[in-house]
Amino acid sequence: MSLLVEDMPKHVSVQVHGDFSLLLPSGLYEIKKMEPRFKIRTIIIFCLFLAMAGIIGFGYFCQDQVCALTKRSMILQPDILAYNGRAQPSDSNTVWTDEHQPAPPLPPLPPSPQHMINEQQEKQMMISSITSASTLNVKSVQQNVIFANAGLSYEDVLNDDFQFDMDGHDVMVFLHIQKTGGTSFGRHLVRDLDLKRPCECQRQRKRCYCFRPHRNENWLFSRYSTGWKCGLHADWTELTNCVDLELEKNEGESAKRRYFYITLLREPIARYMSEYRHVKRGATWKGSRHWCLGRQATADELPACYKGKDWLDVTLDEFAACESNLAVNRQTRMLADLALVGCYNKSSMTSHERDRVMLASAKRNLAAMAYFGLTEYQKISQYIFEETFNLRFAIPFEQHNTTVSALAIHNLSNEQKRRIKELNSLDIQLYTFAKNLLFQRFETLKAKDNDFEKRFANLGNIYYKQGVTEFNWDSNIDDTASTDH
């Protein structure tokens, strides 16, 4: 032991190899053995290493869109033109002729839009992609770069361990395209799903409270659950930039939600004729905002097709003659990222280039959606929905193969048929793409289902339920009573 006492009183410096007491004139001091400093440093460094390793490992193995720890960032399609260039015309694509003959495999889909990259890299990729195929200037393309929350993709929900977490922060977002059977499907979602906590519907208000099992938060964003919060029949461009903000405003908190976009498509000519008949009866959808890149479409960009409050008793030829009629290629437009084509400003690129970009974007967004169905294939669409989300409808969907629109098409002249097909050429190509993709998904799910035959034969037969909702595309009561559907 060594002892050093300095000149100044009550200041003692000692170095010992054991515990003992030291008696000095000023008092009794107890001396404890000192721990070597290098051991403390080792423990601190080891703890820091574990913390960093945990953060890095969690970030690597748990993708952002799955764990939902941060909000979705930029979702853009830098290769949409190249992808669209590989698409075949609708009349040359091989499709399913019936439910028993599968179509040949489609070409591989482009890379999933869920991959996240640096913001500046994304902008540069987008600029170089579009400017290489069109005459757009760099400035106008930069203005079309947007931020969107497009939700989880179909590939994400195919994971074996995926579960739609109604107790967590998962939200299903229904993109409702006019005259595709969306009104009836929307009713199925709020009335006919077998849930722990069924939606509470108020008949007079046409509104249902679809809350999570243990708290009053919405798990469904749709017309009948939340109302038209993002505008009447909001499209992909509007919804992906609006839903998160509206839910935070409505629920008063900022949650890290996972979004699952769903939609329905319909055979384009039948859908177009159904919309024509609906407008002829007085529907207008004047409440639609057509919001894109922070503003609504102007009257110059979307001139009215009629004067007065509606287009009552319009003829089919008049309906088809209006160049700004949004019934034309409606499904493609509502599924595309309109920011890529300058929104509703058609002067930003040539008509041909605009069509190419919109169609490619619509295909990409549709393929990335967690779910889509086709009104012409109700049973298959119901099966895919139930297997995708592990939710069950308490009733089977009804298939109506003969509609008023089908009869109206039969009565068209050859010139009228040709004109309508020409007008809706983008929707026809999109529907062909969707039909092939739907059956691909069906075959994939079917192969994984060991009880497929029993499941498929008993869709909706969970228990008898009063007040089932039938699909009736052209004769909904709401169609004649209002114009907001």
Protein backbone atom coordinates (compact mmCIF):
# COMPACT_ATOMS: atom_id res chain seq x y z
CA MET A 1 0.00 0.00 0.00
CA SER A 2 1.16 3.52 -0.74
CA LEU A 3 -0.16 6.69 0.90
CA LEU A 4 0.19 10.29 -0.24
CA VAL A 5 -1.11 13.18 1.91
CA GLU A 6 -0.95 16.58 0.27
CA ASP A 7 -0.31 19.92 2.00
CA MET A 8 -3.86 21.21 1.70
CA PRO A 9 -6.08 20.01 4.57
CA LYS A 10 -8.83 17.46 3.98
CA HIS A 11 -7.53 16.53 0.53
CA VAL A 12 -6.38 12.96 0.46
CA SER A 13 -5.12 10.89 -2.47
CA VAL A 14 -4.83 7.14 -1.85
CA GLN A 15 -4.13 4.05 -3.96
CA VAL A 16 -5.06 0.75 -2.27
CA HIS A 17 -5.63 -2.90 -3.07
CA GLY A 18 -8.35 -3.47 -0.46
CA ASP A 19 -11.00 -1.76 1.72
CA PHE A 20 -9.86 -0.08 4.97
CA SER A 21 -10.49 2.99 7.16
CA LEU A 22 -8.04 5.84 7.50
CA LEU A 23 -7.89 8.01 10.64
CA LEU A 24 -6.80 11.58 10.12
CA PRO A 25 -6.98 14.60 12.44
CA SER A 26 -9.98 15.96 10.57
CA GLY A 27 -12.02 12.76 10.81
CA LEU A 28 -12.41 9.13 9.81
CA TYR A 29 -12.43 8.36 6.08
CA GLU A 30 -13.54 5.02 4.60
CA ILE A 31 -11.60 4.04 1.52
CA LYS A 32 -13.14 1.66 -1.06
CA LYS A 33 -11.33 -0.29 -3.71
CA MET A 34 -11.57 1.49 -7.10
CA GLU A 35 -12.83 -0.43 -10.18
CA PRO A 36 -10.47 -0.24 -13.12
CA ARG A 37 -11.72 2.30 -15.66
CA PHE A 38 -11.13 0.06 -18.66
CA LYS A 39 -13.88 -2.33 -17.49
CA ILE A 40 -16.48 0.46 -17.44
CA ARG A 41 -15.45 1.60 -20.92
CA THR A 42 -15.74 -1.98 -22.19
CA ILE A 43 -19.28 -2.31 -20.86
CA ILE A 44 -20.35 1.03 -22.43
CA ILE A 45 -18.83 0.16 -25.80
CA PHE A 46 -20.49 -3.28 -25.76
CA CYS A 47 -23.92 -1.75 -25.04
CA LEU A 48 -23.51 0.78 -27.85
CA PHE A 49 -22.52 -2.00 -30.23
CA LEU A 50 -25.63 -4.02 -29.36
CA ALA A 51 -27.86 -0.96 -29.87
CA MET A 52 -26.38 -0.15 -33.28
CA ALA A 53 -26.52 -3.77 -34.40
CA GLY A 54 -30.17 -3.96 -33.38
CA ILE A 55 -31.08 -0.81 -35.31
CA ILE A 56 -29.24 -1.92 -38.45
CA GLY A 57 -30.60 -5.46 -38.29
CA PHE A 58 -34.18 -4.31 -37.76
CA GLY A 59 -33.96 -1.90 -40.64
CA TYR A 60 -32.51 -4.55 -42.95
CA PHE A 61 -34.89 -7.42 -42.20
CA CYS A 62 -38.08 -5.41 -41.68
CA GLN A 63 -39.09 -3.43 -44.79
CA ASP A 64 -40.54 0.01 -44.25
CA GLN A 65 -43.83 -0.66 -46.02
CA VAL A 66 -44.39 -3.81 -43.95
CA CYS A 67 -43.40 -2.54 -40.51
CA ALA A 68 -44.94 0.88 -41.16
CA LEU A 69 -42.44 2.64 -38.89
CA THR A 70 -42.22 5.58 -41.26
CA LYS A 71 -44.61 7.04 -43.76
CA ARG A 72 -44.36 6.04 -47.38
CA SER A 73 -42.00 8.17 -49.39
CA MET A 74 -41.77 8.85 -53.05
CA ILE A 75 -43.61 6.46 -55.38
CA LEU A 76 -42.77 7.10 -58.98
CA GLN A 77 -42.49 4.99 -62.10
CA PRO A 78 -39.24 5.78 -63.90
CA ASP A 79 -39.57 2.90 -66.34
CA ILE A 80 -43.25 3.14 -67.27
CA LEU A 81 -42.57 4.07 -70.88
CA ALA A 82 -40.26 1.14 -71.43
CA TYR A 83 -42.79 -1.18 -69.81
CA ASN A 84 -45.66 0.17 -71.84
CA GLY A 85 -43.65 -0.33 -74.99
CA ARG A 86 -43.80 -4.07 -74.37
CA ALA A 87 -47.60 -4.10 -74.06
CA GLN A 88 -49.48 -5.68 -76.93
CA PRO A 89 -52.66 -4.33 -78.47
CA SER A 90 -55.79 -5.66 -76.85
CA ASP A 91 -56.86 -7.72 -79.85
CA SER A 92 -53.55 -9.60 -79.97
CA ASN A 93 -53.32 -10.50 -76.28
CA THR A 94 -54.21 -14.03 -75.31
CA VAL A 95 -56.83 -13.97 -72.57
CA TRP A 96 -58.98 -16.38 -70.65
CA THR A 97 -61.93 -17.61 -72.67
CA ASP A 98 -63.60 -19.24 -69.69
CA GLU A 99 -62.92 -20.14 -66.08
CA HIS A 100 -61.32 -23.49 -66.95
CA GLN A 101 -58.68 -22.56 -69.53
CA PRO A 102 -55.75 -20.55 -68.16
CA ALA A 103 -53.99 -17.95 -70.24
CA PRO A 104 -50.28 -18.34 -71.01
CA PRO A 105 -47.89 -16.54 -68.66
CA LEU A 106 -47.61 -12.80 -69.12
CA PRO A 107 -44.24 -11.10 -69.55
CA PRO A 108 -42.60 -10.30 -66.22
CA LEU A 109 -43.98 -7.22 -64.54
CA PRO A 110 -41.68 -4.25 -64.10
CA PRO A 111 -39.96 -3.80 -60.76
CA SER A 112 -42.37 -3.17 -57.91
CA PRO A 113 -43.01 0.51 -57.22
CA GLN A 114 -42.57 -0.23 -53.52
CA HIS A 115 -38.78 0.02 -53.71
CA MET A 116 -37.53 3.19 -52.09
CA ILE A 117 -34.61 5.21 -53.37
CA ASN A 118 -33.06 8.58 -52.78
CA GLU A 119 -35.27 11.55 -53.64
CA GLN A 120 -32.80 13.21 -55.98
CA GLN A 121 -32.06 9.91 -57.73
CA GLU A 122 -35.78 9.32 -58.19
CA LYS A 123 -36.29 12.73 -59.75
CA GLN A 124 -33.37 12.30 -62.13
CA MET A 125 -34.55 8.83 -63.18
CA MET A 126 -38.03 10.13 -63.85
CA ILE A 127 -36.76 13.10 -65.83
CA SER A 128 -34.40 11.05 -68.01
CA SER A 129 -37.07 8.39 -68.61
CA ILE A 130 -39.81 10.67 -69.85
CA THR A 131 -37.68 13.21 -71.67
CA SER A 132 -35.99 10.45 -73.65
CA ALA A 133 -39.35 9.52 -75.17
CA SER A 134 -41.07 12.86 -75.47
CA THR A 135 -40.45 16.53 -76.10
CA LEU A 136 -41.12 17.62 -72.51
CA ASN A 137 -38.64 20.02 -70.99
CA VAL A 138 -36.91 19.25 -67.70
CA LYS A 139 -38.73 21.93 -65.76
CA SER A 140 -42.19 20.66 -66.64
CA VAL A 141 -41.25 17.10 -65.69
CA GLN A 142 -39.79 18.18 -62.36
CA GLN A 143 -43.10 19.82 -61.55
CA ASN A 144 -44.85 16.48 -62.08
CA VAL A 145 -42.87 14.69 -59.36
CA ILE A 146 -45.21 13.99 -56.47
CA PHE A 147 -45.22 12.31 -53.10
CA ALA A 148 -47.79 9.58 -52.64
CA ASN A 149 -48.74 6.92 -50.14
CA ALA A 150 -49.69 4.05 -52.40
CA GLY A 151 -49.87 1.45 -49.64
CA LEU A 152 -48.72 -2.16 -49.60
CA SER A 153 -48.43 -4.04 -52.87
CA TYR A 154 -49.91 -7.40 -53.79
CA GLU A 155 -46.44 -8.93 -53.44
CA ASP A 156 -46.32 -7.74 -49.83
CA VAL A 157 -49.58 -9.44 -48.90
CA LEU A 158 -48.54 -12.71 -50.55
CA ASN A 159 -46.08 -13.37 -47.73
CA ASP A 160 -46.97 -16.49 -45.77
CA ASP A 161 -46.92 -14.60 -42.49
CA PHE A 162 -49.08 -11.70 -43.75
CA GLN A 163 -52.19 -10.84 -41.79
CA PHE A 164 -54.52 -7.87 -42.27
CA ASP A 165 -54.26 -6.44 -38.77
CA MET A 166 -57.62 -4.95 -37.88
CA ASP A 167 -56.47 -4.53 -34.28
CA GLY A 168 -53.42 -2.58 -35.40
CA HIS A 169 -53.26 0.30 -37.88
CA ASP A 170 -54.13 -1.41 -41.19
CA VAL A 171 -56.57 0.47 -43.43
CA MET A 172 -58.35 -0.81 -46.54
CA VAL A 173 -58.88 1.97 -49.13
CA PHE A 174 -61.56 1.41 -51.76
CA LEU A 175 -60.98 3.25 -55.04
CA HIS A 176 -64.51 3.39 -56.43
CA ILE A 177 -64.69 3.81 -60.21
CA GLN A 178 -68.11 4.75 -61.54
CA LYS A 179 -70.38 2.02 -62.97
CA THR A 180 -68.12 -0.92 -62.15
CA GLY A 181 -70.37 -2.44 -59.49
CA GLY A 182 -68.63 -0.45 -56.79
CA THR A 183 -71.83 0.63 -55.04
CA SER A 184 -72.84 -2.99 -54.43
CA PHE A 185 -69.30 -4.07 -53.55
CA GLY A 186 -69.05 -1.17 -51.11
CA ARG A 187 -72.20 -2.43 -49.41
CA HIS A 188 -70.71 -5.91 -49.22
CA LEU A 189 -67.71 -4.48 -47.38
CA VAL A 190 -69.80 -2.77 -44.68
CA ARG A 191 -72.69 -5.24 -44.39
CA ASP A 192 -71.60 -8.74 -45.31
CA LEU A 193 -68.10 -9.34 -43.94
CA ASP A 194 -67.88 -11.77 -41.03
CA LEU A 195 -66.11 -9.59 -38.44
CA LYS A 196 -65.46 -9.66 -34.70
CA ARG A 197 -67.01 -6.20 -34.57
CA PRO A 198 -69.41 -5.76 -37.51
CA CYS A 199 -69.89 -2.34 -39.04
CA GLU A 200 -72.77 -0.41 -37.46
CA CYS A 201 -74.89 0.98 -40.29
CA GLN A 202 -77.40 3.80 -40.17
CA ARG A 203 -79.92 3.29 -42.93
CA GLN A 204 -81.11 6.88 -43.17
CA ARG A 205 -77.59 8.32 -43.44
CA LYS A 206 -76.21 5.65 -45.78
CA ARG A 207 -73.20 5.52 -43.50
CA CYS A 208 -71.64 2.77 -41.42
CA TYR A 209 -69.15 2.88 -38.56
CA CYS A 210 -66.49 0.31 -39.38
CA PHE A 211 -64.36 0.43 -36.26
CA ARG A 212 -61.57 -1.79 -35.00
CA PRO A 213 -62.50 -4.48 -32.45
CA HIS A 214 -61.16 -2.62 -29.43
CA ARG A 215 -61.20 1.06 -30.34
CA ASN A 216 -63.18 3.52 -32.44
CA GLU A 217 -60.81 3.88 -35.38
CA ASN A 218 -61.64 3.20 -39.02
CA TRP A 219 -60.15 0.15 -40.72
CA LEU A 220 -62.06 0.89 -43.97
CA PHE A 221 -61.84 4.07 -46.06
CA SER A 222 -64.78 4.05 -48.46
CA ARG A 223 -67.96 5.84 -49.43
CA TYR A 224 -70.15 3.96 -46.94
CA SER A 225 -67.69 4.07 -44.02
CA THR A 226 -65.98 7.46 -44.11
CA GLY A 227 -67.87 9.17 -46.92
CA TRP A 228 -66.24 10.98 -49.84
CA LYS A 229 -63.49 12.49 -47.68
CA CYS A 230 -61.10 12.91 -50.62
CA GLY A 231 -63.76 14.05 -53.08
CA LEU A 232 -66.56 12.37 -54.98
CA HIS A 233 -65.18 9.23 -56.65
CA ALA A 234 -61.60 10.21 -55.86
CA ASP A 235 -59.03 8.60 -58.17
CA TRP A 236 -55.57 7.13 -57.46
CA THR A 237 -53.88 10.51 -57.71
CA GLU A 238 -56.27 12.07 -55.20
CA LEU A 239 -56.51 9.19 -52.74
CA THR A 240 -52.79 8.52 -52.36
CA ASN A 241 -52.21 12.14 -51.41
CA CYS A 242 -55.28 12.55 -49.22
CA VAL A 243 -56.23 9.46 -47.20
CA ASP A 244 -53.54 9.73 -44.53
CA LEU A 245 -54.27 13.41 -43.88
CA GLU A 246 -58.02 12.83 -43.67
CA LEU A 247 -57.70 9.95 -41.22
CA GLU A 248 -55.38 11.98 -39.00
CA LYS A 249 -57.84 14.86 -39.11
CA ASN A 250 -60.79 12.58 -38.35
CA GLU A 251 -59.15 10.51 -35.60
CA GLY A 252 -57.04 13.25 -34.09
CA GLU A 253 -53.76 11.39 -34.00
CA SER A 254 -50.81 10.63 -36.22
CA ALA A 255 -50.55 6.85 -36.53
CA LYS A 256 -48.17 4.80 -38.65
CA ARG A 257 -50.79 3.14 -40.80
CA ARG A 258 -50.46 0.47 -43.48
CA TYR A 259 -52.72 1.10 -46.47
CA PHE A 260 -54.21 -1.55 -48.75
CA TYR A 261 -55.75 -0.19 -51.95
CA ILE A 262 -58.55 -2.15 -53.59
CA THR A 263 -60.73 -1.51 -56.64
CA LEU A 264 -63.08 -3.06 -59.21
CA LEU A 265 -62.89 -2.94 -63.00
CA ARG A 266 -65.53 -3.69 -65.60
CA GLU A 267 -65.58 -4.55 -69.30
CA PRO A 268 -65.01 -1.08 -70.83
CA ILE A 269 -67.78 -0.92 -73.43
CA ALA A 270 -70.44 -2.13 -70.98
CA ARG A 271 -69.15 0.32 -68.36
CA TYR A 272 -69.19 3.22 -70.84
CA MET A 273 -72.76 2.44 -71.91
CA SER A 274 -73.84 2.18 -68.28
CA GLU A 275 -72.37 5.59 -67.55
CA TYR A 276 -74.07 7.02 -70.62
CA ARG A 277 -77.44 5.73 -69.44
CA HIS A 278 -76.77 7.10 -65.97
CA VAL A 279 -75.88 10.58 -67.27
CA LYS A 280 -78.89 10.48 -69.58
CA ARG A 281 -81.05 10.06 -66.45
CA GLY A 282 -79.52 13.20 -64.90
CA ALA A 283 -76.31 12.17 -63.10
CA THR A 284 -73.47 14.69 -63.22
CA TRP A 285 -70.84 13.96 -60.51
CA LYS A 286 -70.31 17.70 -60.23
CA GLY A 287 -68.89 17.17 -56.76
CA SER A 288 -65.74 15.51 -58.13
CA ARG A 289 -62.69 17.67 -57.41
CA HIS A 290 -60.20 16.39 -60.03
CA TRP A 291 -57.38 17.37 -57.69
CA CYS A 292 -53.80 16.99 -58.88
CA LEU A 293 -50.49 18.53 -57.81
CA GLY A 294 -52.13 20.73 -55.22
CA ARG A 295 -54.94 22.23 -57.30
CA GLN A 296 -58.21 21.43 -59.06
CA ALA A 297 -58.54 21.16 -62.80
CA THR A 298 -59.56 24.48 -64.37
CA ALA A 299 -62.57 25.08 -66.59
CA ASP A 300 -60.21 25.48 -69.55
CA GLU A 301 -58.65 22.08 -68.85
CA LEU A 302 -62.02 20.36 -68.34
CA PRO A 303 -64.67 22.34 -70.27
CA ALA A 304 -68.26 21.32 -69.55
CA CYS A 305 -69.96 19.04 -72.07
CA TYR A 306 -73.37 20.62 -71.51
CA LYS A 307 -75.05 23.81 -70.38
CA GLY A 308 -77.38 23.90 -67.42
CA LYS A 309 -77.56 21.69 -64.33
CA ASP A 310 -77.29 18.31 -66.10
CA TRP A 311 -77.14 16.45 -69.42
CA LEU A 312 -80.60 14.97 -69.24
CA ASP A 313 -81.78 13.02 -72.32
CA VAL A 314 -78.43 13.33 -74.08
CA THR A 315 -78.12 11.16 -77.19
CA LEU A 316 -75.31 8.61 -77.48
CA ASP A 317 -73.75 10.45 -80.41
CA GLU A 318 -73.73 13.72 -78.43
CA PHE A 319 -72.25 11.92 -75.44
CA ALA A 320 -69.44 10.48 -77.56
CA ALA A 321 -68.75 13.75 -79.37
CA CYS A 322 -67.64 15.71 -76.29
CA GLU A 323 -63.84 15.69 -76.22
CA SER A 324 -63.67 16.47 -72.49
CA ASN A 325 -66.08 13.71 -71.49
CA LEU A 326 -64.41 11.88 -68.59
CA ALA A 327 -66.40 8.73 -69.31
CA VAL A 328 -63.83 8.00 -72.03
CA ASN A 329 -61.07 5.71 -70.71
CA ARG A 330 -62.27 6.48 -67.19
CA GLN A 331 -60.72 3.38 -65.65
CA THR A 332 -57.27 4.13 -67.05
CA ARG A 333 -57.39 7.76 -65.97
CA MET A 334 -58.59 6.97 -62.45
CA LEU A 335 -55.86 4.37 -61.88
CA ALA A 336 -52.98 6.36 -63.41
CA ASP A 337 -50.67 8.80 -61.67
CA LEU A 338 -51.89 11.93 -63.43
CA ALA A 339 -48.94 13.97 -62.21
CA LEU A 340 -46.84 12.11 -64.79
CA VAL A 341 -48.82 13.62 -67.65
CA GLY A 342 -49.26 17.16 -66.36
CA CYS A 343 -52.57 16.39 -64.65
CA TYR A 344 -55.42 17.71 -66.83
CA ASN A 345 -53.21 20.06 -68.82
CA LYS A 346 -53.04 18.26 -72.15
CA SER A 347 -50.58 20.75 -73.65
CA SER A 348 -47.67 19.31 -71.65
CA MET A 349 -47.12 16.45 -74.13
CA THR A 350 -48.51 14.96 -77.30
CA SER A 351 -51.75 13.01 -77.18
CA HIS A 352 -49.97 9.80 -78.18
CA GLU A 353 -47.35 10.19 -75.48
CA ARG A 354 -49.94 11.06 -72.87
CA ASP A 355 -51.88 7.89 -73.66
CA ARG A 356 -48.73 5.76 -73.45
CA VAL A 357 -47.72 7.14 -70.08
CA MET A 358 -51.22 6.96 -68.59
CA LEU A 359 -51.80 3.36 -69.68
CA ALA A 360 -48.43 2.20 -68.37
CA SER A 361 -48.97 3.99 -65.08
CA ALA A 362 -52.46 2.53 -64.69
CA LYS A 363 -51.12 -0.98 -65.29
CA ARG A 364 -48.35 -0.50 -62.76
CA ASN A 365 -50.67 0.88 -60.10
CA LEU A 366 -53.27 -1.82 -60.69
CA ALA A 367 -50.68 -4.61 -60.49
CA ALA A 368 -49.30 -3.14 -57.26
CA MET A 369 -52.69 -2.89 -55.55
CA ALA A 370 -53.34 -5.30 -52.71
CA TYR A 371 -56.54 -6.41 -54.45
CA PHE A 372 -58.69 -5.79 -57.50
CA GLY A 373 -61.68 -7.65 -58.88
CA LEU A 374 -63.63 -7.79 -62.14
CA THR A 375 -67.40 -7.43 -62.17
CA GLU A 376 -67.68 -10.11 -64.86
CA TYR A 377 -66.03 -12.69 -62.53
CA GLN A 378 -67.76 -12.30 -59.18
CA LYS A 379 -66.99 -15.71 -57.72
CA ILE A 380 -63.30 -15.59 -58.57
CA SER A 381 -63.06 -12.00 -57.33
CA GLN A 382 -64.70 -12.96 -54.03
CA TYR A 383 -62.31 -15.91 -53.56
CA ILE A 384 -59.24 -13.76 -54.26
CA PHE A 385 -60.40 -11.10 -51.79
CA GLU A 386 -61.06 -13.62 -49.03
CA GLU A 387 -57.75 -15.42 -49.51
CA THR A 388 -55.78 -12.19 -49.79
CA PHE A 389 -57.07 -10.60 -46.58
CA ASN A 390 -58.10 -13.74 -44.70
CA LEU A 391 -61.58 -12.28 -44.30
CA ARG A 392 -64.84 -14.03 -45.16
CA PHE A 393 -68.06 -12.70 -46.64
CA ALA A 394 -71.19 -14.12 -45.06
CA ILE A 395 -72.96 -14.34 -48.44
CA PRO A 396 -71.90 -15.41 -51.95
CA PHE A 397 -71.60 -12.72 -54.60
CA GLU A 398 -74.26 -12.89 -57.28
CA GLN A 399 -73.31 -12.94 -60.95
CA HIS A 400 -75.59 -11.08 -63.38
CA ASN A 401 -74.43 -11.94 -66.87
CA THR A 402 -77.22 -10.05 -68.63
CA THR A 403 -77.53 -6.34 -67.94
CA VAL A 404 -79.40 -3.42 -69.43
CA SER A 405 -76.09 -2.16 -70.81
CA ALA A 406 -75.50 -5.46 -72.62
CA LEU A 407 -78.87 -5.13 -74.31
CA ALA A 408 -78.09 -1.51 -75.21
CA ILE A 409 -74.81 -2.57 -76.83
CA HIS A 410 -76.65 -5.15 -78.90
CA ASN A 411 -78.83 -2.39 -80.35
CA LEU A 412 -75.93 -0.14 -81.39
CA SER A 413 -75.09 0.42 -85.03
CA ASN A 414 -71.76 -0.87 -86.32
CA GLU A 415 -70.45 2.70 -86.57
CA GLN A 416 -71.44 3.45 -82.98
CA LYS A 417 -69.72 0.29 -81.76
CA ARG A 418 -66.57 1.19 -83.69
CA ARG A 419 -66.57 4.73 -82.33
CA ILE A 420 -67.02 3.63 -78.70
CA LYS A 421 -64.24 1.04 -78.98
CA GLU A 422 -61.95 3.64 -80.51
CA LEU A 423 -62.70 6.14 -77.75
CA ASN A 424 -62.05 3.58 -75.00
CA SER A 425 -59.01 1.88 -76.50
CA LEU A 426 -56.89 2.48 -73.37
CA ASP A 427 -59.50 0.94 -71.10
CA ILE A 428 -59.79 -2.06 -73.42
CA GLN A 429 -56.04 -2.66 -73.18
CA LEU A 430 -56.08 -2.13 -69.41
CA TYR A 431 -58.97 -4.58 -68.99
CA THR A 432 -57.16 -7.24 -71.04
CA PHE A 433 -54.12 -6.78 -68.82
CA ALA A 434 -56.28 -6.94 -65.68
CA LYS A 435 -58.12 -10.06 -66.83
CA ASN A 436 -54.90 -11.98 -67.40
CA LEU A 437 -53.48 -10.80 -64.09
CA LEU A 438 -56.65 -11.70 -62.19
CA PHE A 439 -56.48 -15.30 -63.39
CA GLN A 440 -52.78 -15.52 -62.66
CA ARG A 441 -53.50 -14.52 -59.07
CA PHE A 442 -56.41 -16.95 -58.95
CA GLU A 443 -54.22 -19.86 -60.07
CA THR A 444 -51.50 -18.93 -57.56
CA LEU A 445 -53.94 -18.86 -54.64
CA LYS A 446 -55.70 -21.98 -55.87
CA ALA A 447 -52.41 -23.92 -55.92
CA LYS A 448 -51.70 -22.95 -52.30
CA ASP A 449 -55.18 -23.92 -51.07
CA ASN A 450 -55.39 -27.59 -50.08
CA ASP A 451 -59.15 -27.29 -49.60
CA PHE A 452 -59.81 -25.29 -52.75
CA GLU A 453 -62.68 -27.35 -54.15
CA LYS A 454 -64.62 -27.20 -50.90
CA ARG A 455 -63.78 -23.53 -50.29
CA PHE A 456 -64.70 -22.40 -53.79
CA ALA A 457 -67.95 -24.35 -53.83
CA ASN A 458 -69.04 -22.85 -50.49
CA LEU A 459 -68.04 -19.20 -50.82
CA GLY A 460 -70.22 -17.07 -48.57
CA ASN A 461 -71.88 -20.01 -46.84
CA ILE A 462 -70.72 -19.10 -43.33
CA TYR A 463 -74.23 -18.77 -41.96
CA TYR A 464 -77.58 -17.51 -43.14
CA LYS A 465 -77.76 -13.73 -43.03
CA GLN A 466 -80.79 -11.54 -43.53
CA GLY A 467 -80.73 -8.67 -46.00
CA VAL A 468 -78.07 -9.95 -48.38
CA THR A 469 -76.78 -7.52 -50.96
CA GLU A 470 -77.07 -8.58 -54.59
CA PHE A 471 -75.00 -7.10 -57.39
CA ASN A 472 -77.20 -5.21 -59.80
CA TRP A 473 -74.99 -2.96 -61.88
CA ASP A 474 -77.61 -0.90 -63.65
CA SER A 475 -80.64 -0.81 -61.36
CA ASN A 476 -79.51 0.41 -57.95
CA ILE A 477 -82.08 2.53 -56.14
CA ASP A 478 -79.36 5.06 -55.43
CA ASP A 479 -78.76 5.47 -59.16
CA THR A 480 -82.15 7.10 -59.67
CA ALA A 481 -82.30 8.91 -56.37
CA SER A 482 -79.00 10.76 -56.39
CA THR A 483 -75.95 11.58 -58.44
CA ASP A 484 -73.22 10.96 -55.87
CA HIS A 485 -72.29 7.38 -56.70
